[in-house]
N, C-alpha and C. Protein backbone atom coordinates (compact mmCIF):
# COMPACT_ATOMS: atom_id res chain seq x y z
N GLN A 1 -70.29 -28.64 6.08
CA GLN A 1 -70.65 -28.12 7.38
C GLN A 1 -71.89 -28.79 7.94
N ASP A 2 -72.71 -29.33 7.10
CA ASP A 2 -73.90 -30.00 7.57
C ASP A 2 -73.61 -31.46 7.86
N ARG A 3 -72.59 -31.70 8.61
CA ARG A 3 -72.22 -33.06 8.98
C ARG A 3 -73.11 -33.51 10.13
N PRO A 4 -73.44 -34.78 10.18
CA PRO A 4 -74.23 -35.25 11.31
C PRO A 4 -73.40 -35.15 12.58
N ALA A 5 -74.10 -34.92 13.66
CA ALA A 5 -73.41 -34.86 14.95
C ALA A 5 -72.78 -36.21 15.21
N ARG A 6 -71.75 -36.21 16.01
CA ARG A 6 -71.04 -37.45 16.30
C ARG A 6 -72.00 -38.50 16.84
N SER A 7 -72.98 -38.07 17.64
CA SER A 7 -73.93 -39.02 18.20
C SER A 7 -74.85 -39.57 17.11
N ASP A 8 -75.02 -38.85 15.99
CA ASP A 8 -75.86 -39.30 14.90
C ASP A 8 -75.09 -40.21 13.94
N SER A 9 -73.80 -40.32 14.11
CA SER A 9 -72.99 -41.07 13.15
C SER A 9 -73.12 -42.58 13.35
N GLY A 10 -73.80 -43.01 14.39
CA GLY A 10 -73.93 -44.42 14.65
C GLY A 10 -72.76 -44.99 15.43
N GLU A 11 -71.83 -44.15 15.76
CA GLU A 11 -70.64 -44.60 16.49
C GLU A 11 -70.82 -44.21 17.95
N SER A 12 -70.85 -45.22 18.81
CA SER A 12 -71.05 -44.95 20.22
C SER A 12 -69.76 -44.45 20.85
N SER A 13 -69.88 -43.90 22.03
CA SER A 13 -68.69 -43.42 22.72
C SER A 13 -67.74 -44.57 23.02
N SER A 14 -68.27 -45.76 23.29
CA SER A 14 -67.39 -46.89 23.55
C SER A 14 -66.65 -47.31 22.27
N GLU A 15 -67.31 -47.17 21.12
CA GLU A 15 -66.62 -47.48 19.86
C GLU A 15 -65.53 -46.47 19.58
N ARG A 16 -65.82 -45.17 19.86
CA ARG A 16 -64.79 -44.14 19.67
C ARG A 16 -63.63 -44.39 20.61
N LEU A 17 -63.94 -44.77 21.85
CA LEU A 17 -62.88 -45.06 22.82
C LEU A 17 -62.05 -46.25 22.37
N ALA A 18 -62.70 -47.28 21.85
CA ALA A 18 -61.98 -48.46 21.36
C ALA A 18 -61.08 -48.08 20.19
N THR A 19 -61.59 -47.25 19.29
CA THR A 19 -60.79 -46.80 18.15
C THR A 19 -59.60 -46.01 18.63
N ARG A 20 -59.85 -45.08 19.56
CA ARG A 20 -58.77 -44.26 20.11
C ARG A 20 -57.74 -45.14 20.81
N SER A 21 -58.22 -46.13 21.56
CA SER A 21 -57.31 -47.03 22.27
C SER A 21 -56.45 -47.82 21.29
N SER A 22 -57.06 -48.26 20.18
CA SER A 22 -56.28 -49.04 19.22
C SER A 22 -55.25 -48.15 18.54
N VAL A 23 -55.58 -46.89 18.31
CA VAL A 23 -54.60 -45.97 17.72
C VAL A 23 -53.43 -45.79 18.68
N TYR A 24 -53.74 -45.58 19.95
CA TYR A 24 -52.68 -45.42 20.94
C TYR A 24 -51.86 -46.70 21.09
N SER A 25 -52.53 -47.85 21.05
CA SER A 25 -51.83 -49.12 21.17
C SER A 25 -50.86 -49.33 20.01
N ARG A 26 -51.32 -49.01 18.80
CA ARG A 26 -50.43 -49.16 17.64
C ARG A 26 -49.25 -48.22 17.76
N ARG A 27 -49.51 -46.98 18.18
CA ARG A 27 -48.42 -46.01 18.34
C ARG A 27 -47.43 -46.50 19.38
N GLU A 28 -47.95 -46.99 20.51
CA GLU A 28 -47.07 -47.47 21.57
C GLU A 28 -46.25 -48.67 21.09
N ALA A 29 -46.87 -49.59 20.36
CA ALA A 29 -46.15 -50.75 19.84
C ALA A 29 -45.07 -50.31 18.87
N ARG A 30 -45.39 -49.32 18.04
CA ARG A 30 -44.40 -48.82 17.09
C ARG A 30 -43.23 -48.18 17.82
N LEU A 31 -43.53 -47.38 18.83
CA LEU A 31 -42.46 -46.73 19.59
C LEU A 31 -41.62 -47.76 20.35
N ASN A 32 -42.27 -48.77 20.90
CA ASN A 32 -41.53 -49.83 21.59
C ASN A 32 -40.62 -50.58 20.63
N SER A 33 -41.12 -50.82 19.43
CA SER A 33 -40.28 -51.55 18.47
C SER A 33 -39.08 -50.71 18.05
N LEU A 34 -39.24 -49.40 18.04
CA LEU A 34 -38.11 -48.54 17.69
C LEU A 34 -37.06 -48.51 18.79
N SER A 35 -37.49 -48.65 20.03
CA SER A 35 -36.54 -48.55 21.14
C SER A 35 -35.86 -49.89 21.44
N LYS A 36 -36.38 -51.00 20.91
CA LYS A 36 -35.77 -52.30 21.16
C LYS A 36 -34.58 -52.51 20.23
N PRO A 37 -33.46 -52.95 20.78
CA PRO A 37 -32.33 -53.24 19.89
C PRO A 37 -32.62 -54.48 19.07
N GLU A 38 -32.27 -54.41 17.83
CA GLU A 38 -32.44 -55.57 16.96
C GLU A 38 -31.10 -55.95 16.37
N GLU A 39 -30.97 -57.24 16.06
CA GLU A 39 -29.71 -57.70 15.51
C GLU A 39 -29.44 -57.08 14.14
N ASP A 40 -30.49 -56.96 13.36
CA ASP A 40 -30.32 -56.45 12.00
C ASP A 40 -31.07 -55.13 11.86
N ALA A 41 -30.38 -54.03 12.08
CA ALA A 41 -31.01 -52.72 12.02
C ALA A 41 -31.51 -52.41 10.63
N SER A 42 -30.91 -53.02 9.62
CA SER A 42 -31.35 -52.75 8.25
C SER A 42 -32.70 -53.38 7.95
N SER A 43 -33.18 -54.26 8.81
CA SER A 43 -34.47 -54.90 8.57
C SER A 43 -35.64 -53.95 8.83
N LYS A 44 -35.39 -52.87 9.51
CA LYS A 44 -36.45 -51.90 9.78
C LYS A 44 -36.70 -51.07 8.53
N ASP A 45 -37.94 -50.87 8.26
CA ASP A 45 -38.29 -50.08 7.10
C ASP A 45 -38.72 -48.70 7.61
N TYR A 46 -37.75 -47.83 7.80
CA TYR A 46 -38.03 -46.51 8.36
C TYR A 46 -38.93 -45.69 7.45
N LYS A 47 -38.80 -45.87 6.16
CA LYS A 47 -39.65 -45.14 5.23
C LYS A 47 -41.11 -45.53 5.45
N LYS A 48 -41.36 -46.82 5.62
CA LYS A 48 -42.73 -47.30 5.86
C LYS A 48 -43.25 -46.76 7.18
N LEU A 49 -42.43 -46.79 8.23
CA LEU A 49 -42.85 -46.24 9.52
C LEU A 49 -43.18 -44.76 9.40
N TYR A 50 -42.36 -44.03 8.68
CA TYR A 50 -42.57 -42.60 8.48
C TYR A 50 -43.87 -42.36 7.72
N ASP A 51 -44.07 -43.11 6.64
CA ASP A 51 -45.29 -42.95 5.85
C ASP A 51 -46.53 -43.29 6.68
N ASP A 52 -46.44 -44.35 7.47
CA ASP A 52 -47.55 -44.72 8.34
C ASP A 52 -47.86 -43.61 9.34
N ALA A 53 -46.82 -43.02 9.90
CA ALA A 53 -47.00 -41.93 10.86
C ALA A 53 -47.64 -40.73 10.18
N LEU A 54 -47.24 -40.43 8.96
CA LEU A 54 -47.85 -39.31 8.22
C LEU A 54 -49.33 -39.55 7.97
N VAL A 55 -49.67 -40.77 7.57
CA VAL A 55 -51.07 -41.10 7.31
C VAL A 55 -51.88 -40.98 8.60
N GLU A 56 -51.34 -41.51 9.66
CA GLU A 56 -52.04 -41.43 10.96
C GLU A 56 -52.21 -39.98 11.40
N ASN A 57 -51.17 -39.17 11.22
CA ASN A 57 -51.26 -37.76 11.58
C ASN A 57 -52.33 -37.04 10.77
N GLU A 58 -52.42 -37.34 9.49
CA GLU A 58 -53.43 -36.71 8.64
C GLU A 58 -54.84 -37.11 9.09
N LYS A 59 -55.02 -38.38 9.44
CA LYS A 59 -56.32 -38.83 9.94
C LYS A 59 -56.67 -38.10 11.23
N LEU A 60 -55.69 -37.98 12.12
CA LEU A 60 -55.93 -37.30 13.39
C LEU A 60 -56.23 -35.82 13.17
N LYS A 61 -55.53 -35.19 12.23
CA LYS A 61 -55.81 -33.78 11.92
C LYS A 61 -57.22 -33.62 11.39
N ALA A 62 -57.65 -34.54 10.54
CA ALA A 62 -59.01 -34.48 9.99
C ALA A 62 -60.04 -34.64 11.10
N ARG A 63 -59.81 -35.58 12.00
CA ARG A 63 -60.75 -35.77 13.12
C ARG A 63 -60.77 -34.54 14.02
N LEU A 64 -59.60 -33.94 14.24
CA LEU A 64 -59.53 -32.73 15.06
C LEU A 64 -60.32 -31.60 14.40
N GLU A 65 -60.17 -31.45 13.11
CA GLU A 65 -60.90 -30.40 12.39
C GLU A 65 -62.40 -30.64 12.47
N GLU A 66 -62.83 -31.89 12.31
CA GLU A 66 -64.25 -32.22 12.44
C GLU A 66 -64.75 -31.88 13.84
N SER A 67 -63.95 -32.19 14.84
CA SER A 67 -64.33 -31.90 16.23
C SER A 67 -64.44 -30.40 16.46
N LYS A 68 -63.50 -29.64 15.88
CA LYS A 68 -63.57 -28.18 16.01
C LYS A 68 -64.83 -27.63 15.36
N GLN A 69 -65.18 -28.15 14.19
CA GLN A 69 -66.38 -27.70 13.51
C GLN A 69 -67.63 -28.06 14.31
N GLU A 70 -67.63 -29.26 14.87
CA GLU A 70 -68.77 -29.68 15.69
C GLU A 70 -68.89 -28.80 16.93
N LEU A 71 -67.78 -28.49 17.57
CA LEU A 71 -67.78 -27.62 18.74
C LEU A 71 -68.32 -26.24 18.38
N SER A 72 -67.90 -25.71 17.26
CA SER A 72 -68.36 -24.41 16.81
C SER A 72 -69.87 -24.44 16.57
N ARG A 73 -70.35 -25.50 15.93
CA ARG A 73 -71.79 -25.63 15.66
C ARG A 73 -72.58 -25.71 16.97
N ILE A 74 -72.08 -26.48 17.92
CA ILE A 74 -72.78 -26.64 19.20
C ILE A 74 -72.77 -25.33 19.98
N ARG A 75 -71.65 -24.61 19.95
CA ARG A 75 -71.60 -23.31 20.63
C ARG A 75 -72.60 -22.35 20.04
N SER A 76 -72.72 -22.36 18.71
CA SER A 76 -73.68 -21.49 18.04
C SER A 76 -75.11 -21.84 18.46
N GLN A 77 -75.41 -23.12 18.50
CA GLN A 77 -76.73 -23.56 18.95
C GLN A 77 -76.99 -23.13 20.39
N LEU A 78 -75.98 -23.27 21.23
CA LEU A 78 -76.12 -22.88 22.63
C LEU A 78 -76.36 -21.38 22.77
N ASP A 79 -75.64 -20.59 21.98
CA ASP A 79 -75.85 -19.14 22.00
C ASP A 79 -77.28 -18.79 21.60
N ARG A 80 -77.77 -19.41 20.53
CA ARG A 80 -79.14 -19.14 20.08
C ARG A 80 -80.15 -19.55 21.15
N LEU A 81 -79.94 -20.70 21.75
CA LEU A 81 -80.84 -21.19 22.78
C LEU A 81 -80.83 -20.26 23.99
N THR A 82 -79.65 -19.77 24.36
CA THR A 82 -79.53 -18.85 25.48
C THR A 82 -80.29 -17.55 25.19
N GLN A 83 -80.18 -17.04 23.97
CA GLN A 83 -80.88 -15.82 23.60
C GLN A 83 -82.39 -16.02 23.65
N VAL A 84 -82.87 -17.12 23.12
CA VAL A 84 -84.31 -17.40 23.13
C VAL A 84 -84.80 -17.55 24.57
N THR A 85 -84.05 -18.28 25.38
CA THR A 85 -84.44 -18.49 26.78
C THR A 85 -84.49 -17.16 27.53
N THR A 86 -83.50 -16.31 27.30
CA THR A 86 -83.47 -15.01 27.95
C THR A 86 -84.68 -14.16 27.55
N LYS A 87 -85.01 -14.15 26.27
CA LYS A 87 -86.17 -13.39 25.80
C LYS A 87 -87.45 -13.92 26.41
N LEU A 88 -87.59 -15.24 26.45
CA LEU A 88 -88.79 -15.83 27.05
C LEU A 88 -88.89 -15.47 28.53
N TRP A 89 -87.78 -15.52 29.23
CA TRP A 89 -87.77 -15.20 30.65
C TRP A 89 -88.15 -13.73 30.86
N GLU A 90 -87.59 -12.84 30.04
CA GLU A 90 -87.91 -11.41 30.15
C GLU A 90 -89.38 -11.17 29.86
N ASN A 91 -89.92 -11.84 28.84
CA ASN A 91 -91.35 -11.68 28.51
C ASN A 91 -92.21 -12.22 29.65
N ASN A 92 -91.80 -13.29 30.25
CA ASN A 92 -92.53 -13.89 31.35
C ASN A 92 -92.54 -12.93 32.56
N GLN A 93 -91.41 -12.31 32.82
CA GLN A 93 -91.32 -11.36 33.92
C GLN A 93 -92.22 -10.15 33.68
N THR A 94 -92.27 -9.70 32.43
CA THR A 94 -93.12 -8.55 32.08
C THR A 94 -94.59 -8.89 32.29
N CYS A 95 -95.00 -10.10 31.97
CA CYS A 95 -96.38 -10.51 32.16
C CYS A 95 -96.77 -10.53 33.64
N PHE A 96 -95.86 -10.96 34.50
CA PHE A 96 -96.14 -11.02 35.92
C PHE A 96 -96.15 -9.64 36.56
N GLU A 97 -95.44 -8.70 36.00
CA GLU A 97 -95.40 -7.34 36.54
C GLU A 97 -96.68 -6.58 36.23
N SER A 98 -97.38 -6.96 35.18
CA SER A 98 -98.60 -6.24 34.77
C SER A 98 -99.78 -6.56 35.64
């Protein structure tokens, strides 16, 4: 749970976007290759394609889980910050009323 924030990981948003784009590009290329008729249908290794898809899905699930945990952590921080800010504001108002 004490994972560094995504911004602390050293990976910039452009690097994440490039990674995401390459994942989408590979998926699109794979789907295009499946839809193209080939002379020798037996040359396709469906088991390999299936295994690759499973691996990719597991990686995506792991990234999704990390993102959910990060979102939860950030929401918790925001809630604490909101509570502190509200208390400070209320104390400040009380000082001005006196």
